[in-house]
Amino acid sequence: DVVFESACFDGTCIRKGALSLGMRTEASAKFEKGLDPLNTLPAVQRACELVELLGAGEVVDGVIDILNYVPQPHTIRMDPERVNALLGTDIPAAEQYRYLARVDIRTADDSCPGGPADVTIPSWRGDVEGIADLAEEVARFYGYNNIPTTLMRGQTTLGGYGAAEILERQVSSVCRAFGYDEIITYSFISPTQYDKIRWPEDYQRRNSFKILNPLGEDTSIMRTTTLPSMLEILTRNSNYRNQDVKLYEVGRTYLPGGEDGLAIESKTLTLGAYGGDMDFYAMKGAIEAILQELRVKDVTFRIGSGLPEELSYHPGRFAEVWSGSDCLGWFGQIHPLVAKNYGVDAEFYCAELAMDELENAKGADPEYVPLPKFPAVTRDIAVVCDRAVTVGALEDCIRRGAKGLLKDVSLFDIYTGSGIPEGKKSVAFNLTLRSDDRSLTAQEADEDVKSILETLKAELNAVLR
């Protein structure tokens, strides 16, 4: 006597058991996906039928059927318009119902209505639970290759970089072109970092956000400046005997004043470098390249205006970066006392530029300008002025004194020595003059130069050498 058994096992139990035991079999792969328990009786009946067909035995009456769980057919609301909205198609409703009938998903009267209707899900389709599953069945029979490529219906947003992201990528590209490597530092620092950079005890430290569960004293507050983080990395490289180092970071700072007591999160571009040919003017050149890439206009470099941040920099090698009436940031050599606090003798040069201010000062996209049709007239002038007068102030004065013909001004010589009075210096510029609608005469060029010299004399007491 032979007893045939046909069983269906719980998919979750089989999956977890096979995973915990590390025993993956063909049977576990089938049962863990969930099979129809109502197929057990037809399966054993088929086995008995084969026994008789092969003449291997005689089937006797009697079946013991234990049904611990009988899945009942359930219904789902089928909405053809919703299916088309999910798939981005325009399939007729009747055709959708015919597709579903192929997998035994039918309406109560086995019809193909033209609108929404309840459909019965067979017991062997336990994976069909909602309208999205019905849409998948329709898509399989309709053909994925027949579904057109379209944007989402309704209000859509095309992907792409935002203005701030484009700005950050542009700035990073220029920094990398100048040999600067990107770093990413923590946004929390130690309160003692403010002492290292020579900030006053009550300046911004009292406004720093304290972390409730810090990892340690060295990471107990949110930074209000990115300078300590940059100096820490520069110091580490110096201690590792790295000779030439150029680093940049676009990092966040956290200042009070936000809504509901939250912080104002701002991004700052921080440059840091030492060694090699790095000096004040090399850092200034990198900043000028960044501003040129962003097409920032009316750029001037001014002597420090007494900000507390200025205490971290060398008093004679520090400058603020302005665009018109907006301060974009500052740069210069780190104060020797600050470098001493970090235990290094190297000359560190750093720059801090506010990304929000850079975005506001960013110029419009470039437009094509045809090459000039008329030749330029060049003039060289050398003026004697006080040594305290900066070249930037002289250039601004020259541009204001011109009568509209000046196209470019460039410095080519600074001289102090024989023939120049004590406390004075000689500064020479090359002027390029051109008109867009005619060729200039020598008289017109001389009149423009005369106006420039008069403005220099009146505003800066700079006279022609």
Protein backbone atom coordinates (compact mmCIF):
# COMPACT_ATOMS: atom_id res chain seq x y z
CA ASP A 1 0.00 0.00 0.00
CA VAL A 2 1.32 3.41 -1.02
CA VAL A 3 0.05 6.72 0.37
CA PHE A 4 0.49 9.80 -1.80
CA GLU A 5 0.91 13.17 -0.06
CA SER A 6 0.52 16.55 -1.72
CA ALA A 7 1.35 19.60 0.41
CA CYS A 8 1.79 23.35 0.10
CA PHE A 9 4.21 25.09 2.46
CA ASP A 10 4.09 28.64 3.81
CA GLY A 11 6.27 30.87 1.62
CA THR A 12 7.53 33.13 4.43
CA CYS A 13 8.54 30.20 6.62
CA ILE A 14 10.35 28.46 3.75
CA ARG A 15 12.21 31.64 2.76
CA LYS A 16 13.42 32.40 6.29
CA GLY A 17 14.29 28.77 6.95
CA ALA A 18 16.32 28.41 3.75
CA LEU A 19 18.13 31.65 4.54
CA SER A 20 18.98 30.72 8.13
CA LEU A 21 20.12 27.20 7.20
CA GLY A 22 21.90 28.23 4.03
CA MET A 23 20.04 25.54 2.08
CA ARG A 24 18.74 26.77 -1.24
CA THR A 25 16.90 24.10 -3.21
CA GLU A 26 14.62 24.00 -6.21
CA ALA A 27 11.67 23.33 -3.93
CA SER A 28 12.48 26.29 -1.64
CA ALA A 29 12.81 28.57 -4.66
CA LYS A 30 9.26 27.62 -5.70
CA PHE A 31 7.50 27.60 -2.34
CA GLU A 32 9.06 30.83 -1.00
CA LYS A 33 7.34 32.76 -3.77
CA GLY A 34 3.93 31.52 -2.61
CA LEU A 35 1.97 28.77 -4.41
CA ASP A 36 -1.75 28.14 -4.67
CA PRO A 37 -2.76 25.68 -1.90
CA LEU A 38 -5.86 24.66 -3.88
CA ASN A 39 -3.57 22.93 -6.38
CA THR A 40 -2.68 20.18 -3.89
CA LEU A 41 -5.76 18.05 -4.55
CA PRO A 42 -5.56 18.20 -8.38
CA ALA A 43 -1.87 17.32 -8.10
CA VAL A 44 -2.41 14.11 -6.09
CA GLN A 45 -5.33 13.14 -8.33
CA ARG A 46 -3.06 13.49 -11.37
CA ALA A 47 -0.45 11.30 -9.69
CA CYS A 48 -3.05 8.57 -9.05
CA GLU A 49 -4.23 8.86 -12.64
CA LEU A 50 -0.70 8.22 -13.91
CA VAL A 51 -0.42 5.15 -11.68
CA GLU A 52 -3.45 3.63 -13.38
CA LEU A 53 -2.39 4.67 -16.89
CA LEU A 54 1.01 3.03 -16.42
CA GLY A 55 -0.55 -0.12 -14.92
CA ALA A 56 1.57 0.30 -11.82
CA GLY A 57 -1.25 -0.16 -9.32
CA GLU A 58 -4.88 0.17 -8.44
CA VAL A 59 -6.28 3.35 -7.00
CA VAL A 60 -8.63 2.96 -4.08
CA ASP A 61 -11.11 5.46 -2.72
CA GLY A 62 -10.34 7.78 0.14
CA VAL A 63 -8.79 11.24 0.52
CA ILE A 64 -7.78 13.02 3.71
CA ASP A 65 -7.79 16.74 3.01
CA ILE A 66 -6.57 19.13 5.75
CA LEU A 67 -7.19 22.76 4.82
CA ASN A 68 -5.48 25.08 7.31
CA TYR A 69 -5.98 28.06 5.03
CA VAL A 70 -8.24 28.41 2.03
CA PRO A 71 -7.52 31.56 -0.03
CA GLN A 72 -10.73 33.13 -1.20
CA PRO A 73 -10.97 34.89 -4.54
CA HIS A 74 -11.02 38.64 -3.96
CA THR A 75 -12.08 41.55 -6.12
CA ILE A 76 -10.24 44.72 -7.19
CA ARG A 77 -11.73 47.82 -8.75
CA MET A 78 -10.48 48.00 -12.33
CA ASP A 79 -10.29 51.52 -13.79
CA PRO A 80 -9.09 51.62 -17.44
CA GLU A 81 -8.41 55.39 -17.29
CA ARG A 82 -6.24 54.94 -14.23
CA VAL A 83 -4.31 52.15 -15.98
CA ASN A 84 -3.69 54.42 -18.98
CA ALA A 85 -2.53 57.18 -16.63
CA LEU A 86 -0.04 54.82 -14.96
CA LEU A 87 1.30 53.44 -18.24
CA GLY A 88 1.18 56.62 -20.33
CA THR A 89 -0.92 54.84 -22.95
CA ASP A 90 -4.33 55.16 -24.59
CA ILE A 91 -5.52 51.53 -24.63
CA PRO A 92 -9.31 51.06 -25.06
CA ALA A 93 -11.10 49.76 -21.98
CA ALA A 94 -12.53 46.70 -23.71
CA GLU A 95 -9.08 45.69 -24.89
CA GLN A 96 -7.72 45.97 -21.33
CA TYR A 97 -10.42 43.65 -20.00
CA ARG A 98 -9.62 41.13 -22.75
CA TYR A 99 -5.95 41.18 -21.72
CA LEU A 100 -6.91 40.46 -18.10
CA ALA A 101 -9.23 37.62 -19.12
CA ARG A 102 -6.22 35.79 -20.60
CA VAL A 103 -4.86 35.33 -17.06
CA ASP A 104 -8.31 34.49 -15.62
CA ILE A 105 -8.92 37.95 -14.16
CA ARG A 106 -12.55 38.53 -15.12
CA THR A 107 -15.62 40.57 -14.30
CA ALA A 108 -18.60 38.96 -12.59
CA ASP A 109 -20.47 38.43 -15.89
CA ASP A 110 -17.28 37.89 -17.94
CA SER A 111 -18.00 41.02 -19.99
CA CYS A 112 -15.76 43.80 -21.30
CA PRO A 113 -17.30 47.03 -19.94
CA GLY A 114 -16.22 50.41 -21.19
CA GLY A 115 -15.48 51.86 -17.77
CA PRO A 116 -14.53 50.93 -14.22
CA ALA A 117 -15.70 47.55 -12.93
CA ASP A 118 -14.86 44.98 -10.23
CA VAL A 119 -12.70 42.07 -11.37
CA THR A 120 -12.17 38.78 -9.53
CA ILE A 121 -8.61 37.69 -8.85
CA PRO A 122 -8.07 33.90 -8.91
CA SER A 123 -6.53 32.18 -5.89
CA TRP A 124 -3.36 31.36 -7.78
CA ARG A 125 -2.59 35.04 -8.39
CA GLY A 126 -1.68 36.11 -4.88
CA ASP A 127 0.70 38.71 -6.32
CA VAL A 128 -2.15 40.81 -7.73
CA GLU A 129 -3.21 43.17 -4.96
CA GLY A 130 -3.98 46.57 -6.51
CA ILE A 131 -4.55 48.66 -9.62
CA ALA A 132 -0.79 48.87 -10.28
CA ASP A 133 -0.64 45.06 -10.56
CA LEU A 134 -3.52 45.11 -13.04
CA ALA A 135 -1.70 47.79 -15.03
CA GLU A 136 1.38 45.54 -15.13
CA GLU A 137 -0.67 42.67 -16.60
CA VAL A 138 -2.12 44.98 -19.23
CA ALA A 139 1.35 46.29 -20.11
CA ARG A 140 2.74 42.76 -20.56
CA PHE A 141 0.10 41.82 -23.10
CA TYR A 142 0.07 45.22 -24.80
CA GLY A 143 3.86 45.08 -25.17
CA TYR A 144 6.37 47.24 -23.35
CA ASN A 145 7.93 48.21 -26.69
CA ASN A 146 4.57 49.66 -27.79
CA ILE A 147 4.38 52.10 -24.86
CA PRO A 148 5.49 55.54 -26.13
CA THR A 149 8.21 57.50 -24.35
CA THR A 150 6.48 60.54 -22.84
CA LEU A 151 6.84 62.91 -19.94
CA MET A 152 4.57 62.55 -16.94
CA ARG A 153 1.20 64.13 -17.49
CA GLY A 154 0.20 67.22 -15.57
CA GLN A 155 2.71 69.56 -13.98
CA THR A 156 6.17 68.20 -14.72
CA THR A 157 9.62 69.28 -13.64
CA LEU A 158 12.49 68.67 -15.98
CA GLY A 159 15.65 67.43 -14.39
CA GLY A 160 18.73 69.59 -14.28
CA TYR A 161 21.09 71.49 -12.03
CA GLY A 162 19.84 74.47 -10.07
CA ALA A 163 21.54 77.86 -10.10
CA ALA A 164 23.43 77.13 -6.87
CA GLU A 165 24.59 73.75 -8.16
CA ILE A 166 25.80 75.23 -11.46
CA LEU A 167 27.69 77.91 -9.54
CA GLU A 168 29.35 75.32 -7.31
CA ARG A 169 30.40 73.23 -10.30
CA GLN A 170 31.85 76.28 -12.07
CA VAL A 171 33.80 77.36 -9.01
CA SER A 172 35.09 73.85 -8.38
CA SER A 173 36.18 73.53 -12.01
CA VAL A 174 38.29 76.70 -11.80
CA CYS A 175 39.84 75.61 -8.50
CA ARG A 176 40.82 72.24 -9.93
CA ALA A 177 42.25 73.96 -13.01
CA PHE A 178 44.52 75.96 -10.71
CA GLY A 179 45.74 72.78 -9.05
CA TYR A 180 43.57 72.88 -5.93
CA ASP A 181 42.36 69.56 -4.52
CA GLU A 182 38.91 69.34 -2.94
CA ILE A 183 38.50 68.44 0.72
CA ILE A 184 35.38 67.72 2.80
CA THR A 185 35.54 68.44 6.51
CA TYR A 186 33.16 68.06 9.43
CA SER A 187 30.67 70.84 10.11
CA PHE A 188 31.34 70.70 13.85
CA ILE A 189 34.48 71.94 15.56
CA SER A 190 35.93 72.58 19.00
CA PRO A 191 35.28 75.90 20.81
CA THR A 192 39.05 76.24 21.23
CA GLN A 193 39.39 76.73 17.48
CA TYR A 194 38.20 80.33 17.91
CA ASP A 195 41.13 80.98 20.22
CA LYS A 196 43.55 79.53 17.68
CA ILE A 197 42.38 81.91 14.94
CA ARG A 198 42.54 84.89 17.36
CA TRP A 199 38.84 85.71 17.38
CA PRO A 200 37.56 87.74 20.36
CA GLU A 201 36.18 85.56 23.12
CA ASP A 202 32.63 86.83 22.78
CA TYR A 203 32.58 87.11 18.98
CA GLN A 204 30.21 84.51 17.47
CA ARG A 205 31.36 81.87 19.96
CA ARG A 206 28.37 82.74 22.11
CA ASN A 207 26.15 82.33 19.03
CA SER A 208 27.52 78.92 18.05
CA PHE A 209 25.04 76.08 18.16
CA LYS A 210 26.03 73.47 20.72
CA ILE A 211 25.50 69.79 19.91
CA LEU A 212 23.42 67.98 22.55
CA ASN A 213 25.19 64.64 22.14
CA PRO A 214 28.67 65.46 20.75
CA LEU A 215 31.21 62.81 19.95
CA GLY A 216 33.67 64.76 22.10
CA GLU A 217 34.84 68.22 23.11
CA ASP A 218 36.61 68.62 19.76
CA THR A 219 33.28 68.25 17.92
CA SER A 220 30.87 69.99 20.30
CA ILE A 221 29.69 73.06 18.33
CA MET A 222 28.58 73.83 14.79
CA ARG A 223 31.09 76.01 13.00
CA THR A 224 30.38 79.62 12.11
CA THR A 225 33.48 79.82 9.90
CA THR A 226 35.25 77.31 7.69
CA LEU A 227 38.73 78.73 8.35
CA PRO A 228 39.65 76.44 11.31
CA SER A 229 38.73 73.33 9.29
CA MET A 230 40.97 74.43 6.41
CA LEU A 231 43.85 75.29 8.76
CA GLU A 232 43.60 71.87 10.42
CA ILE A 233 44.02 70.11 7.07
CA LEU A 234 46.85 72.42 6.00
CA THR A 235 48.62 71.76 9.31
CA ARG A 236 48.23 68.02 8.90
CA ASN A 237 49.78 68.18 5.42
CA SER A 238 52.62 70.32 6.72
CA ASN A 239 53.30 67.79 9.48
CA TYR A 240 53.37 65.05 6.84
CA ARG A 241 56.14 67.00 5.04
CA ASN A 242 54.05 67.72 1.97
CA GLN A 243 55.90 70.58 0.29
CA ASP A 244 53.29 72.14 -2.04
CA VAL A 245 49.63 71.98 -1.02
CA LYS A 246 46.59 73.64 -2.57
CA LEU A 247 43.14 72.81 -1.17
CA TYR A 248 39.60 74.07 -1.54
CA GLU A 249 36.26 73.30 0.07
CA VAL A 250 32.68 74.39 -0.45
CA GLY A 251 31.44 73.93 3.10
CA ARG A 252 28.50 75.04 5.22
CA THR A 253 28.50 77.39 8.16
CA TYR A 254 25.75 77.71 10.75
CA LEU A 255 24.79 81.15 12.01
CA PRO A 256 21.89 82.13 14.29
CA GLY A 257 18.90 84.06 13.03
CA GLY A 258 16.90 81.44 11.16
CA GLU A 259 13.18 80.80 11.52
CA ASP A 260 11.95 78.99 14.65
CA GLY A 261 15.35 79.32 16.24
CA LEU A 262 17.07 77.30 13.55
CA ALA A 263 20.41 78.15 11.99
CA ILE A 264 21.03 80.04 8.78
CA GLU A 265 23.00 77.56 6.69
CA SER A 266 25.30 79.26 4.21
CA LYS A 267 27.96 77.86 1.92
CA THR A 268 31.46 79.29 1.81
CA LEU A 269 34.22 78.68 -0.73
CA THR A 270 37.46 78.31 1.22
CA LEU A 271 40.87 78.17 -0.42
CA GLY A 272 44.04 77.20 1.42
CA ALA A 273 47.61 76.81 0.16
CA TYR A 274 51.28 76.99 1.09
CA GLY A 275 54.70 76.19 -0.37
CA GLY A 276 56.04 76.48 -3.91
CA ASP A 277 55.39 79.83 -5.54
CA MET A 278 52.37 80.56 -3.36
CA ASP A 279 52.11 84.13 -2.14
CA PHE A 280 49.54 86.88 -1.74
CA TYR A 281 49.38 87.60 -5.47
CA ALA A 282 49.10 83.94 -6.46
CA MET A 283 46.02 83.65 -4.23
CA LYS A 284 44.69 86.90 -5.68
CA GLY A 285 45.14 85.48 -9.19
CA ALA A 286 43.10 82.38 -8.34
CA ILE A 287 40.30 84.57 -6.99
CA GLU A 288 40.38 86.76 -10.08
CA ALA A 289 40.10 83.65 -12.26
CA ILE A 290 37.04 82.51 -10.33
CA LEU A 291 35.38 85.92 -10.64
CA GLN A 292 36.23 86.08 -14.33
CA GLU A 293 34.65 82.66 -14.90
CA LEU A 294 31.50 83.91 -13.16
CA ARG A 295 31.64 87.19 -15.15
CA VAL A 296 31.45 89.28 -11.97
CA LYS A 297 31.60 93.01 -12.73
CA ASP A 298 33.01 95.99 -10.83
CA VAL A 299 35.51 93.86 -8.91
CA THR A 300 37.78 95.73 -6.51
CA PHE A 301 40.25 94.64 -3.86
CA ARG A 302 40.28 96.82 -0.79
CA ILE A 303 42.30 97.11 2.37
CA GLY A 304 40.64 95.51 5.39
CA SER A 305 37.81 97.48 7.00
CA GLY A 306 38.42 96.26 10.55
CA LEU A 307 36.27 93.09 10.60
CA PRO A 308 36.94 90.69 13.50
CA GLU A 309 37.74 88.03 10.88
CA GLU A 310 40.67 90.19 9.86
CA LEU A 311 42.44 89.26 13.11
CA SER A 312 43.17 85.83 11.63
CA TYR A 313 45.20 87.33 8.76
CA HIS A 314 48.47 89.19 8.39
CA PRO A 315 47.64 92.92 8.70
CA GLY A 316 49.81 93.87 5.71
CA ARG A 317 48.80 90.99 3.47
CA PHE A 318 45.04 91.00 3.68
CA ALA A 319 42.39 92.28 1.28
CA GLU A 320 38.63 92.25 0.91
CA VAL A 321 36.95 91.31 -2.38
CA TRP A 322 34.12 93.59 -3.48
CA SER A 323 31.71 93.66 -6.38
CA GLY A 324 30.25 97.13 -6.50
CA SER A 325 28.88 97.74 -3.01
CA ASP A 326 28.79 94.04 -2.01
CA CYS A 327 31.60 92.33 -0.11
CA LEU A 328 32.16 88.85 -1.56
CA GLY A 329 34.78 87.76 0.97
CA TRP A 330 38.43 88.19 1.86
CA PHE A 331 41.82 86.56 1.48
CA GLY A 332 45.42 86.89 2.54
CA GLN A 333 48.25 85.36 4.52
CA ILE A 334 47.33 83.75 7.81
CA HIS A 335 48.64 85.72 10.77
CA PRO A 336 51.99 84.36 12.06
CA LEU A 337 50.50 84.08 15.56
CA VAL A 338 47.69 81.90 14.18
CA ALA A 339 50.22 79.70 12.38
CA LYS A 340 52.15 79.46 15.66
CA ASN A 341 48.97 78.34 17.43
CA TYR A 342 48.76 75.48 14.94
CA GLY A 343 52.43 74.63 15.49
CA VAL A 344 53.73 75.39 11.99
CA ASP A 345 56.28 77.83 10.56
CA ALA A 346 55.00 77.78 6.97
CA GLU A 347 53.19 80.75 5.44
CA PHE A 348 49.57 79.75 4.97
CA TYR A 349 47.41 81.67 2.47
CA CYS A 350 43.64 81.36 2.66
CA ALA A 351 40.55 82.89 1.08
CA GLU A 352 36.91 82.87 2.16
CA LEU A 353 34.20 83.74 -0.38
CA ALA A 354 30.47 83.60 0.32
CA MET A 355 28.69 81.45 -2.25
CA ASP A 356 25.42 83.38 -1.85
CA GLU A 357 27.21 86.64 -2.63
CA LEU A 358 28.95 85.05 -5.61
CA GLU A 359 25.61 83.87 -6.95
CA ASN A 360 24.13 87.37 -6.60
CA ALA A 361 27.15 88.97 -8.27
CA LYS A 362 27.34 86.44 -11.09
CA GLY A 363 27.01 88.07 -14.49
CA ALA A 364 24.71 87.17 -17.35
CA ASP A 365 25.58 84.48 -19.84
CA PRO A 366 28.07 85.69 -22.44
CA GLU A 367 26.78 86.99 -25.76
CA TYR A 368 28.53 87.09 -29.10
CA VAL A 369 30.21 90.39 -29.91
CA PRO A 370 31.67 90.87 -33.39
CA LEU A 371 35.33 91.72 -33.78
CA PRO A 372 36.05 95.46 -33.90
CA LYS A 373 36.02 96.97 -37.37
CA PHE A 374 38.23 99.93 -36.54
CA PRO A 375 41.80 99.96 -35.24
CA ALA A 376 42.71 100.78 -31.67
CA VAL A 377 44.92 103.60 -30.45
CA THR A 378 47.29 102.86 -27.57
CA ARG A 379 48.81 105.33 -25.15
CA ASP A 380 51.25 104.77 -22.29
CA ILE A 381 51.09 107.00 -19.24
CA ALA A 382 53.22 107.02 -16.09
CA VAL A 383 51.95 108.91 -13.07
CA VAL A 384 53.64 109.75 -9.79
CA CYS A 385 51.53 109.29 -6.68
CA ASP A 386 51.82 108.51 -2.99
CA ARG A 387 53.04 105.02 -2.17
CA ALA A 388 49.87 104.39 -0.16
CA VAL A 389 47.70 104.72 -3.30
CA THR A 390 46.83 101.27 -4.64
CA VAL A 391 46.97 100.25 -8.27
CA GLY A 392 43.28 99.34 -8.06
CA ALA A 393 42.37 102.86 -7.03
CA LEU A 394 44.39 104.26 -9.94
CA GLU A 395 42.67 101.93 -12.43
CA ASP A 396 39.22 102.88 -11.16
CA CYS A 397 40.09 106.55 -11.45
CA ILE A 398 41.35 106.06 -15.03
CA ARG A 399 38.11 104.36 -16.05
CA ARG A 400 36.01 107.11 -14.51
CA GLY A 401 38.05 109.82 -16.20
CA ALA A 402 37.72 108.34 -19.69
CA LYS A 403 35.11 109.79 -22.06
CA GLY A 404 33.82 106.50 -23.45
CA LEU A 405 36.70 105.55 -25.74
CA LEU A 406 38.74 103.54 -23.21
CA LYS A 407 38.46 99.79 -23.85
CA ASP A 408 41.22 98.41 -21.65
CA VAL A 409 43.79 99.51 -19.08
CA SER A 410 46.70 97.37 -17.91
CA LEU A 411 49.56 97.95 -15.50
CA PHE A 412 53.08 97.33 -16.84
CA ASP A 413 55.50 99.05 -14.43
CA ILE A 414 55.92 100.29 -10.85
CA TYR A 415 59.10 102.22 -10.10
CA THR A 416 60.63 103.75 -6.98
CA GLY A 417 64.16 105.07 -6.91
CA SER A 418 66.27 107.72 -8.57
CA GLY A 419 64.23 110.66 -9.83
CA ILE A 420 61.17 109.79 -7.73
CA PRO A 421 60.55 111.86 -4.56
CA GLU A 422 60.63 110.17 -1.18
CA GLY A 423 57.31 108.57 -0.28
CA LYS A 424 56.23 108.53 -3.92
CA LYS A 425 56.10 105.90 -6.66
CA SER A 426 55.77 105.86 -10.42
CA VAL A 427 53.01 103.68 -11.85
CA ALA A 428 52.78 103.10 -15.62
CA PHE A 429 49.69 101.97 -17.52
CA ASN A 430 48.94 100.99 -21.09
CA LEU A 431 45.65 102.43 -22.37
CA THR A 432 43.69 101.00 -25.30
CA LEU A 433 41.26 103.43 -26.95
CA ARG A 434 38.82 102.57 -29.73
CA SER A 435 35.55 103.77 -31.24
CA ASP A 436 32.95 101.32 -32.53
CA ASP A 437 31.81 103.51 -35.44
CA ARG A 438 34.93 105.30 -36.72
CA SER A 439 38.70 105.45 -36.70
CA LEU A 440 40.04 107.64 -33.92
CA THR A 441 42.20 110.63 -34.62
CA ALA A 442 45.25 111.48 -32.56
CA GLN A 443 43.46 114.55 -31.26
CA GLU A 444 40.49 112.51 -29.97
CA ALA A 445 42.81 110.04 -28.22
CA ASP A 446 44.80 112.90 -26.66
CA GLU A 447 41.62 114.53 -25.35
CA ASP A 448 40.60 111.26 -23.65
CA VAL A 449 44.05 110.89 -22.10
CA LYS A 450 43.95 114.52 -20.94
CA SER A 451 40.61 113.91 -19.22
CA ILE A 452 42.06 110.84 -17.50
CA LEU A 453 45.09 112.77 -16.23
CA GLU A 454 42.88 115.57 -14.91
CA THR A 455 40.77 113.05 -12.97
CA LEU A 456 43.88 111.39 -11.52
CA LYS A 457 45.19 114.79 -10.43
CA ALA A 458 41.91 115.86 -8.86
CA GLU A 459 41.04 112.64 -7.02
CA LEU A 460 44.39 111.01 -6.13
CA ASN A 461 46.90 113.81 -6.61
CA ALA A 462 48.64 111.65 -9.22
CA VAL A 463 50.53 113.69 -11.79
CA LEU A 464 52.09 112.77 -15.10
CA ARG A 465 55.71 111.83 -14.69
